[in-house]
Amino acid sequence: MKPQSILVLLVLVILALHCKENEAASFPWSCASLSGVCRQGVCLPSELYFGSLGCGKGFLCCVSHFL
């Protein structure tokens, strides 16, 4: 395996273990920090779906542009 692949795998394992330990972990990003909009139901065709990310139950985080 390439060293970069091993490093990425190691970081993912550490994050998975950390989240398993602290199931209520809050991430440093949210829908608002991605300039997204919380929509109920579905995102518009021009938007990307990013899960709930701080939106209420039944709402989706829709981002029209990521960068």
PDB file of N, CA and C in Angstrom:
ATOM      1  N   MET A   1       0.834  -1.195   0.000  1.00  0.00           N
ATOM      2  CA  MET A   1       0.000   0.000   0.000  1.00  0.00           C
ATOM      3  C   MET A   1       0.873   1.250   0.000  1.00  0.00           C
ATOM      4  N   LYS A   2       0.368   2.273  -0.602  1.00  0.00           N
ATOM      5  CA  LYS A   2       1.090   3.543  -0.622  1.00  0.00           C
ATOM      6  C   LYS A   2       1.014   4.194   0.759  1.00  0.00           C
ATOM      7  N   PRO A   3       2.023   4.962   1.140  1.00  0.00           N
ATOM      8  CA  PRO A   3       2.004   5.637   2.450  1.00  0.00           C
ATOM      9  C   PRO A   3       0.797   6.558   2.628  1.00  0.00           C
ATOM     10  N   GLN A   4       0.351   7.205   1.540  1.00  0.00           N
ATOM     11  CA  GLN A   4      -0.807   8.096   1.643  1.00  0.00           C
ATOM     12  C   GLN A   4      -2.068   7.305   1.974  1.00  0.00           C
ATOM     13  N   SER A   5      -2.200   6.127   1.381  1.00  0.00           N
ATOM     14  CA  SER A   5      -3.369   5.283   1.634  1.00  0.00           C
ATOM     15  C   SER A   5      -3.402   4.818   3.082  1.00  0.00           C
ATOM     16  N   ILE A   6      -2.252   4.459   3.593  1.00  0.00           N
ATOM     17  CA  ILE A   6      -2.166   4.016   4.986  1.00  0.00           C
ATOM     18  C   ILE A   6      -2.524   5.157   5.925  1.00  0.00           C
ATOM     19  N   LEU A   7      -2.047   6.356   5.628  1.00  0.00           N
ATOM     20  CA  LEU A   7      -2.343   7.518   6.459  1.00  0.00           C
ATOM     21  C   LEU A   7      -3.840   7.827   6.460  1.00  0.00           C
ATOM     22  N   VAL A   8      -4.463   7.786   5.291  1.00  0.00           N
ATOM     23  CA  VAL A   8      -5.905   8.043   5.197  1.00  0.00           C
ATOM     24  C   VAL A   8      -6.679   6.984   5.969  1.00  0.00           C
ATOM     25  N   LEU A   9      -6.300   5.729   5.820  1.00  0.00           N
ATOM     26  CA  LEU A   9      -6.965   4.647   6.541  1.00  0.00           C
ATOM     27  C   LEU A   9      -6.817   4.825   8.050  1.00  0.00           C
ATOM     28  N   LEU A  10      -5.638   5.204   8.500  1.00  0.00           N
ATOM     29  CA  LEU A  10      -5.397   5.418   9.923  1.00  0.00           C
ATOM     30  C   LEU A  10      -6.259   6.553  10.471  1.00  0.00           C
ATOM     31  N   VAL A  11      -6.353   7.651   9.730  1.00  0.00           N
ATOM     32  CA  VAL A  11      -7.179   8.781  10.162  1.00  0.00           C
ATOM     33  C   VAL A  11      -8.648   8.374  10.236  1.00  0.00           C
ATOM     34  N   LEU A  12      -9.125   7.618   9.253  1.00  0.00           N
ATOM     35  CA  LEU A  12     -10.518   7.164   9.271  1.00  0.00           C
ATOM     36  C   LEU A  12     -10.804   6.247  10.459  1.00  0.00           C
ATOM     37  N   VAL A  13      -9.866   5.372  10.773  1.00  0.00           N
ATOM     38  CA  VAL A  13     -10.045   4.476  11.924  1.00  0.00           C
ATOM     39  C   VAL A  13     -10.091   5.277  13.220  1.00  0.00           C
ATOM     40  N   ILE A  14      -9.205   6.261  13.355  1.00  0.00           N
ATOM     41  CA  ILE A  14      -9.189   7.094  14.562  1.00  0.00           C
ATOM     42  C   ILE A  14     -10.498   7.864  14.698  1.00  0.00           C
ATOM     43  N   LEU A  15     -10.975   8.437  13.592  1.00  0.00           N
ATOM     44  CA  LEU A  15     -12.255   9.161  13.637  1.00  0.00           C
ATOM     45  C   LEU A  15     -13.411   8.238  13.989  1.00  0.00           C
ATOM     46  N   ALA A  16     -13.414   7.038  13.425  1.00  0.00           N
ATOM     47  CA  ALA A  16     -14.483   6.086  13.715  1.00  0.00           C
ATOM     48  C   ALA A  16     -14.478   5.700  15.194  1.00  0.00           C
ATOM     49  N   LEU A  17     -13.294   5.465  15.747  1.00  0.00           N
ATOM     50  CA  LEU A  17     -13.208   5.114  17.165  1.00  0.00           C
ATOM     51  C   LEU A  17     -13.625   6.279  18.049  1.00  0.00           C
ATOM     52  N   HIS A  18     -13.242   7.481  17.675  1.00  0.00           N
ATOM     53  CA  HIS A  18     -13.611   8.661  18.454  1.00  0.00           C
ATOM     54  C   HIS A  18     -15.125   8.869  18.435  1.00  0.00           C
ATOM     55  N   CYS A  19     -15.733   8.715  17.285  1.00  0.00           N
ATOM     56  CA  CYS A  19     -17.186   8.897  17.181  1.00  0.00           C
ATOM     57  C   CYS A  19     -17.922   7.784  17.906  1.00  0.00           C
ATOM     58  N   LYS A  20     -17.360   6.584  17.914  1.00  0.00           N
ATOM     59  CA  LYS A  20     -17.974   5.465  18.625  1.00  0.00           C
ATOM     60  C   LYS A  20     -17.950   5.736  20.126  1.00  0.00           C
ATOM     61  N   GLU A  21     -16.851   6.325  20.609  1.00  0.00           N
ATOM     62  CA  GLU A  21     -16.723   6.671  22.017  1.00  0.00           C
ATOM     63  C   GLU A  21     -17.702   7.763  22.411  1.00  0.00           C
ATOM     64  N   ASN A  22     -17.798   8.778  21.577  1.00  0.00           N
ATOM     65  CA  ASN A  22     -18.620   9.942  21.882  1.00  0.00           C
ATOM     66  C   ASN A  22     -19.678  10.081  20.795  1.00  0.00           C
ATOM     67  N   GLU A  23     -20.787   9.365  20.962  1.00  0.00           N
ATOM     68  CA  GLU A  23     -21.793   9.310  19.907  1.00  0.00           C
ATOM     69  C   GLU A  23     -22.455  10.645  19.655  1.00  0.00           C
ATOM     70  N   ALA A  24     -22.406  11.547  20.611  1.00  0.00           N
ATOM     71  CA  ALA A  24     -23.013  12.864  20.430  1.00  0.00           C
ATOM     72  C   ALA A  24     -21.960  13.881  20.002  1.00  0.00           C
ATOM     73  N   ALA A  25     -20.971  13.422  19.259  1.00  0.00           N
ATOM     74  CA  ALA A  25     -19.897  14.319  18.834  1.00  0.00           C
ATOM     75  C   ALA A  25     -20.443  15.398  17.918  1.00  0.00           C
ATOM     76  N   SER A  26     -19.975  16.609  18.136  1.00  0.00           N
ATOM     77  CA  SER A  26     -20.385  17.696  17.251  1.00  0.00           C
ATOM     78  C   SER A  26     -19.227  18.000  16.316  1.00  0.00           C
ATOM     79  N   PHE A  27     -19.522  18.084  15.052  1.00  0.00           N
ATOM     80  CA  PHE A  27     -18.499  18.323  14.053  1.00  0.00           C
ATOM     81  C   PHE A  27     -18.324  19.818  13.849  1.00  0.00           C
ATOM     82  N   PRO A  28     -17.172  20.237  13.359  1.00  0.00           N
ATOM     83  CA  PRO A  28     -16.909  21.674  13.204  1.00  0.00           C
ATOM     84  C   PRO A  28     -17.633  22.293  12.014  1.00  0.00           C
ATOM     85  N   TRP A  29     -18.388  21.510  11.277  1.00  0.00           N
ATOM     86  CA  TRP A  29     -19.104  22.067  10.142  1.00  0.00           C
ATOM     87  C   TRP A  29     -20.601  21.871  10.337  1.00  0.00           C
ATOM     88  N   SER A  30     -21.354  22.704   9.705  1.00  0.00           N
ATOM     89  CA  SER A  30     -22.813  22.603   9.746  1.00  0.00           C
ATOM     90  C   SER A  30     -23.343  23.061   8.403  1.00  0.00           C
ATOM     91  N   CYS A  31     -24.628  23.004   8.239  1.00  0.00           N
ATOM     92  CA  CYS A  31     -25.239  23.429   6.980  1.00  0.00           C
ATOM     93  C   CYS A  31     -24.949  24.911   6.725  1.00  0.00           C
ATOM     94  N   ALA A  32     -25.024  25.722   7.770  1.00  0.00           N
ATOM     95  CA  ALA A  32     -24.779  27.158   7.616  1.00  0.00           C
ATOM     96  C   ALA A  32     -23.324  27.447   7.246  1.00  0.00           C
ATOM     97  N   SER A  33     -22.380  26.684   7.803  1.00  0.00           N
ATOM     98  CA  SER A  33     -20.974  26.927   7.486  1.00  0.00           C
ATOM     99  C   SER A  33     -20.634  26.536   6.050  1.00  0.00           C
ATOM    100  N   LEU A  34     -21.462  25.689   5.439  1.00  0.00           N
ATOM    101  CA  LEU A  34     -21.273  25.313   4.034  1.00  0.00           C
ATOM    102  C   LEU A  34     -22.104  26.191   3.108  1.00  0.00           C
ATOM    103  N   SER A  35     -22.718  27.236   3.658  1.00  0.00           N
ATOM    104  CA  SER A  35     -23.621  28.124   2.907  1.00  0.00           C
ATOM    105  C   SER A  35     -24.786  27.341   2.323  1.00  0.00           C
ATOM    106  N   GLY A  36     -25.293  26.431   3.118  1.00  0.00           N
ATOM    107  CA  GLY A  36     -26.406  25.597   2.676  1.00  0.00           C
ATOM    108  C   GLY A  36     -27.732  26.072   3.224  1.00  0.00           C
ATOM    109  N   VAL A  37     -28.791  25.407   2.770  1.00  0.00           N
ATOM    110  CA  VAL A  37     -30.153  25.715   3.187  1.00  0.00           C
ATOM    111  C   VAL A  37     -30.798  24.418   3.661  1.00  0.00           C
ATOM    112  N   CYS A  38     -31.493  24.471   4.788  1.00  0.00           N
ATOM    113  CA  CYS A  38     -32.228  23.306   5.273  1.00  0.00           C
ATOM    114  C   CYS A  38     -33.574  23.247   4.552  1.00  0.00           C
ATOM    115  N   ARG A  39     -33.792  22.160   3.833  1.00  0.00           N
ATOM    116  CA  ARG A  39     -35.046  21.991   3.094  1.00  0.00           C
ATOM    117  C   ARG A  39     -35.751  20.733   3.578  1.00  0.00           C
ATOM    118  N   GLN A  40     -37.062  20.779   3.543  1.00  0.00           N
ATOM    119  CA  GLN A  40     -37.846  19.614   3.933  1.00  0.00           C
ATOM    120  C   GLN A  40     -38.148  18.795   2.686  1.00  0.00           C
ATOM    121  N   GLY A  41     -37.859  17.516   2.742  1.00  0.00           N
ATOM    122  CA  GLY A  41     -38.159  16.643   1.609  1.00  0.00           C
ATOM    123  C   GLY A  41     -36.962  16.393   0.721  1.00  0.00           C
ATOM    124  N   VAL A  42     -36.811  17.177  -0.346  1.00  0.00           N
ATOM    125  CA  VAL A  42     -35.724  16.952  -1.301  1.00  0.00           C
ATOM    126  C   VAL A  42     -35.022  18.266  -1.637  1.00  0.00           C
ATOM    127  N   CYS A  43     -33.779  18.138  -2.097  1.00  0.00           N
ATOM    128  CA  CYS A  43     -33.026  19.307  -2.554  1.00  0.00           C
ATOM    129  C   CYS A  43     -33.419  19.629  -3.992  1.00  0.00           C
ATOM    130  N   LEU A  44     -33.136  20.847  -4.393  1.00  0.00           N
ATOM    131  CA  LEU A  44     -33.360  21.237  -5.780  1.00  0.00           C
ATOM    132  C   LEU A  44     -32.370  20.488  -6.677  1.00  0.00           C
ATOM    133  N   PRO A  45     -32.696  20.322  -7.964  1.00  0.00           N
ATOM    134  CA  PRO A  45     -31.784  19.598  -8.864  1.00  0.00           C
ATOM    135  C   PRO A  45     -30.390  20.229  -8.961  1.00  0.00           C
ATOM    136  N   SER A  46     -30.284  21.520  -8.739  1.00  0.00           N
ATOM    137  CA  SER A  46     -28.988  22.196  -8.842  1.00  0.00           C
ATOM    138  C   SER A  46     -28.193  22.164  -7.534  1.00  0.00           C
ATOM    139  N   GLU A  47     -28.724  21.519  -6.490  1.00  0.00           N
ATOM    140  CA  GLU A  47     -28.075  21.496  -5.179  1.00  0.00           C
ATOM    141  C   GLU A  47     -27.526  20.115  -4.855  1.00  0.00           C
ATOM    142  N   LEU A  48     -26.512  20.101  -4.007  1.00  0.00           N
ATOM    143  CA  LEU A  48     -25.938  18.853  -3.516  1.00  0.00           C
ATOM    144  C   LEU A  48     -26.503  18.549  -2.135  1.00  0.00           C
ATOM    145  N   TYR A  49     -26.755  17.284  -1.862  1.00  0.00           N
ATOM    146  CA  TYR A  49     -27.297  16.844  -0.578  1.00  0.00           C
ATOM    147  C   TYR A  49     -26.141  16.516   0.367  1.00  0.00           C
ATOM    148  N   PHE A  50     -26.153  17.082   1.577  1.00  0.00           N
ATOM    149  CA  PHE A  50     -25.100  16.851   2.560  1.00  0.00           C
ATOM    150  C   PHE A  50     -25.639  16.272   3.862  1.00  0.00           C
ATOM    151  N   GLY A  51     -26.674  15.480   3.818  1.00  0.00           N
ATOM    152  CA  GLY A  51     -27.225  14.896   5.029  1.00  0.00           C
ATOM    153  C   GLY A  51     -27.994  15.924   5.832  1.00  0.00           C
ATOM    154  N   SER A  52     -28.144  15.690   7.128  1.00  0.00           N
ATOM    155  CA  SER A  52     -28.910  16.627   7.953  1.00  0.00           C
ATOM    156  C   SER A  52     -28.044  17.770   8.483  1.00  0.00           C
ATOM    157  N   LEU A  53     -26.781  17.535   8.790  1.00  0.00           N
ATOM    158  CA  LEU A  53     -25.796  18.555   9.199  1.00  0.00           C
ATOM    159  C   LEU A  53     -26.364  19.751   9.952  1.00  0.00           C
ATOM    160  N   GLY A  54     -26.975  19.514  11.071  1.00  0.00           N
ATOM    161  CA  GLY A  54     -27.471  20.611  11.890  1.00  0.00           C
ATOM    162  C   GLY A  54     -28.887  21.041  11.578  1.00  0.00           C
ATOM    163  N   CYS A  55     -29.494  20.452  10.570  1.00  0.00           N
ATOM    164  CA  CYS A  55     -30.901  20.757  10.274  1.00  0.00           C
ATOM    165  C   CYS A  55     -31.784  19.921  11.199  1.00  0.00           C
ATOM    166  N   GLY A  56     -32.999  20.316  11.365  1.00  0.00           N
ATOM    167  CA  GLY A  56     -33.922  19.587  12.227  1.00  0.00           C
ATOM    168  C   GLY A  56     -34.320  18.248  11.633  1.00  0.00           C
ATOM    169  N   LYS A  57     -35.057  17.482  12.414  1.00  0.00           N
ATOM    170  CA  LYS A  57     -35.508  16.166  11.971  1.00  0.00           C
ATOM    171  C   LYS A  57     -36.412  16.307  10.747  1.00  0.00           C
ATOM    172  N   GLY A  58     -36.118  15.543   9.714  1.00  0.00           N
ATOM    173  CA  GLY A  58     -36.904  15.591   8.495  1.00  0.00           C
ATOM    174  C   GLY A  58     -36.431  16.629   7.490  1.00  0.00           C
ATOM    175  N   PHE A  59     -35.393  17.391   7.844  1.00  0.00           N
ATOM    176  CA  PHE A  59     -34.864  18.411   6.943  1.00  0.00           C
ATOM    177  C   PHE A  59     -33.510  17.969   6.394  1.00  0.00           C
ATOM    178  N   LEU A  60     -33.186  18.414   5.204  1.00  0.00           N
ATOM    179  CA  LEU A  60     -31.941  18.072   4.532  1.00  0.00           C
ATOM    180  C   LEU A  60     -31.099  19.322   4.327  1.00  0.00           C
ATOM    181  N   CYS A  61     -29.792  19.164   4.381  1.00  0.00           N
ATOM    182  CA  CYS A  61     -28.890  20.279   4.081  1.00  0.00           C
ATOM    183  C   CYS A  61     -28.596  20.260   2.589  1.00  0.00           C
ATOM    184  N   CYS A  62     -29.006  21.309   1.893  1.00  0.00           N
ATOM    185  CA  CYS A  62     -28.823  21.413   0.447  1.00  0.00           C
ATOM    186  C   CYS A  62     -27.871  22.566   0.155  1.00  0.00           C
ATOM    187  N   VAL A  63     -26.791  22.266  -0.561  1.00  0.00           N
ATOM    188  CA  VAL A  63     -25.766  23.266  -0.855  1.00  0.00           C
ATOM    189  C   VAL A  63     -25.711  23.478  -2.363  1.00  0.00           C
ATOM    190  N   SER A  64     -25.859  24.736  -2.781  1.00  0.00           N
ATOM    191  CA  SER A  64     -25.872  25.014  -4.215  1.00  0.00           C
ATOM    192  C   SER A  64     -24.466  25.025  -4.803  1.00  0.00           C
ATOM    193  N   HIS A  65     -23.474  25.412  -4.026  1.00  0.00           N
ATOM    194  CA  HIS A  65     -22.083  25.342  -4.466  1.00  0.00           C
ATOM    195  C   HIS A  65     -21.227  25.052  -3.246  1.00  0.00           C
ATOM    196  N   PHE A  66     -20.241  24.173  -3.414  1.00  0.00           N
ATOM    197  CA  PHE A  66     -19.469  23.711  -2.268  1.00  0.00           C
ATOM    198  C   PHE A  66     -18.314  24.637  -1.941  1.00  0.00           C
ATOM    199  N   LEU A  67     -17.673  25.222  -2.913  1.00  0.00           N
ATOM    200  CA  LEU A  67     -16.515  26.074  -2.632  1.00  0.00           C
ATOM    201  C   LEU A  67     -16.847  27.530  -2.750  1.00  0.00           C
TER     202      LEU A  67
END
